[in-house]
């Protein structure tokens, strides 16, 4: 299987778990469990711990999310301005994909 091509922001074009993390953080800071719960509730996709924390480490390294100070072991993260821009770009792409699919399948 071919590796997905990456955009300039370091994210794969479609289905990247990191995009689900960015989406979960788009309405405010959350810690890992809250991100997993948000993704599952809104998309029906269950991110495993390895996938979640691997994605979060990559997003933090790319400057798309940032860790916040915490008073306990649950470290919250927030989306950065670069993360918001990357999410907007990806959502615009997904919107075009969904619209094409709806048109071709005559799905309303």
Protein backbone atom coordinates (compact mmCIF):
# COMPACT_ATOMS: atom_id res chain seq x y z
CA UNK A 1 0.00 0.00 0.00
CA UNK A 2 1.39 3.40 -0.96
CA UNK A 3 2.07 5.94 1.75
CA UNK A 4 -0.27 8.93 1.69
CA UNK A 5 1.17 12.10 0.25
CA UNK A 6 1.59 14.84 2.85
CA UNK A 7 0.60 18.48 2.50
CA UNK A 8 2.93 21.36 3.34
CA UNK A 9 1.55 21.38 6.90
CA UNK A 10 2.71 17.77 7.35
CA UNK A 11 -0.77 16.25 7.41
CA UNK A 12 -1.99 13.51 5.12
CA UNK A 13 -4.71 14.58 2.77
CA UNK A 14 -7.59 12.38 3.99
CA UNK A 15 -8.44 10.32 7.04
CA UNK A 16 -5.55 11.51 9.13
CA UNK A 17 -6.21 10.92 12.85
CA UNK A 18 -4.45 14.23 13.47
CA UNK A 19 -7.25 16.02 11.68
CA UNK A 20 -9.73 14.45 14.07
CA UNK A 21 -7.61 15.71 16.97
CA UNK A 22 -7.56 19.22 15.49
CA UNK A 23 -11.32 19.07 15.03
CA UNK A 24 -11.79 18.01 18.66
CA UNK A 25 -9.61 20.88 19.87
CA UNK A 26 -11.28 23.46 17.63
CA UNK A 27 -13.86 24.32 20.31
CA UNK A 28 -11.41 24.54 23.20
CA UNK A 29 -8.58 22.80 25.07
CA UNK A 30 -8.94 19.14 26.00
CA UNK A 31 -6.81 16.37 27.47
CA UNK A 32 -6.31 13.01 25.73
CA UNK A 33 -9.35 11.18 27.09
CA UNK A 34 -11.63 14.15 26.32
CA UNK A 35 -10.26 14.28 22.75
CA UNK A 36 -10.96 10.56 22.30
CA UNK A 37 -14.49 10.97 23.68
CA UNK A 38 -15.18 14.00 21.47
CA UNK A 39 -13.98 12.23 18.32
CA UNK A 40 -16.02 9.12 19.13
CA UNK A 41 -19.17 11.12 19.91
CA UNK A 42 -19.01 13.36 16.84
CA UNK A 43 -17.65 10.93 14.23
CA UNK A 44 -18.16 7.41 15.54
CA UNK A 45 -14.41 6.81 15.15
CA UNK A 46 -12.63 5.34 18.16
CA UNK A 47 -8.98 6.43 18.34
CA UNK A 48 -6.77 4.00 20.23
CA UNK A 49 -4.23 5.38 22.71
CA UNK A 50 -1.26 4.74 20.42
CA UNK A 51 -2.94 6.46 17.48
CA UNK A 52 -4.13 9.37 19.62
CA UNK A 53 -0.89 10.11 21.41
CA UNK A 54 1.24 9.46 18.33
CA UNK A 55 -0.89 11.96 16.40
CA UNK A 56 -0.74 14.47 19.22
CA UNK A 57 3.07 14.22 19.40
CA UNK A 58 3.30 14.82 15.65
CA UNK A 59 0.85 17.76 15.79
CA UNK A 60 2.78 19.33 18.65
CA UNK A 61 6.09 18.89 16.79
CA UNK A 62 4.52 20.58 13.73
CA UNK A 63 3.29 23.48 15.88
CA UNK A 64 -0.38 22.70 15.18
CA UNK A 65 -1.24 22.06 18.84
CA UNK A 66 0.38 23.17 22.09
CA UNK A 67 0.42 21.62 25.55
CA UNK A 68 -0.96 23.76 28.35
CA UNK A 69 0.10 23.82 31.99
CA UNK A 70 -1.70 21.31 34.15
CA UNK A 71 -2.11 20.83 37.87
CA UNK A 72 -2.55 17.07 37.52
CA UNK A 73 -1.38 14.28 35.22
CA UNK A 74 -4.02 15.07 32.57
CA UNK A 75 -2.26 17.52 30.29
CA UNK A 76 -4.63 19.64 28.18
CA UNK A 77 -3.77 20.71 24.65
CA UNK A 78 -5.00 23.58 22.53
CA UNK A 79 -5.08 24.16 18.79
CA UNK A 80 -2.69 26.87 17.56
CA UNK A 81 -3.32 29.44 14.84
CA UNK A 82 -1.36 27.23 12.43
CA UNK A 83 -3.50 24.28 13.48
CA UNK A 84 -6.69 26.22 12.80
CA UNK A 85 -5.41 27.20 9.36
CA UNK A 86 -4.50 23.57 8.57
CA UNK A 87 -7.92 22.40 9.76
CA UNK A 88 -9.73 24.98 7.62
CA UNK A 89 -7.75 23.89 4.56
CA UNK A 90 -8.54 20.23 5.16
CA UNK A 91 -12.24 20.87 5.82
CA UNK A 92 -12.49 22.81 2.57
CA UNK A 93 -11.00 19.83 0.73
CA UNK A 94 -13.32 17.40 2.48
CA UNK A 95 -16.31 19.59 1.61
CA UNK A 96 -15.41 19.35 -2.08
CA UNK A 97 -14.99 15.58 -1.79
CA UNK A 98 -18.36 15.17 -0.05
CA UNK A 99 -20.10 17.39 -2.60
CA UNK A 100 -18.61 15.40 -5.48
CA UNK A 101 -19.73 12.15 -3.88
CA UNK A 102 -23.25 13.45 -3.26
CA UNK A 103 -23.52 14.65 -6.85
CA UNK A 104 -22.24 11.43 -8.35
CA UNK A 105 -24.43 9.26 -6.13
CA UNK A 106 -27.47 11.56 -6.43
CA UNK A 107 -27.48 11.67 -2.64
CA UNK A 108 -29.08 14.64 -0.93
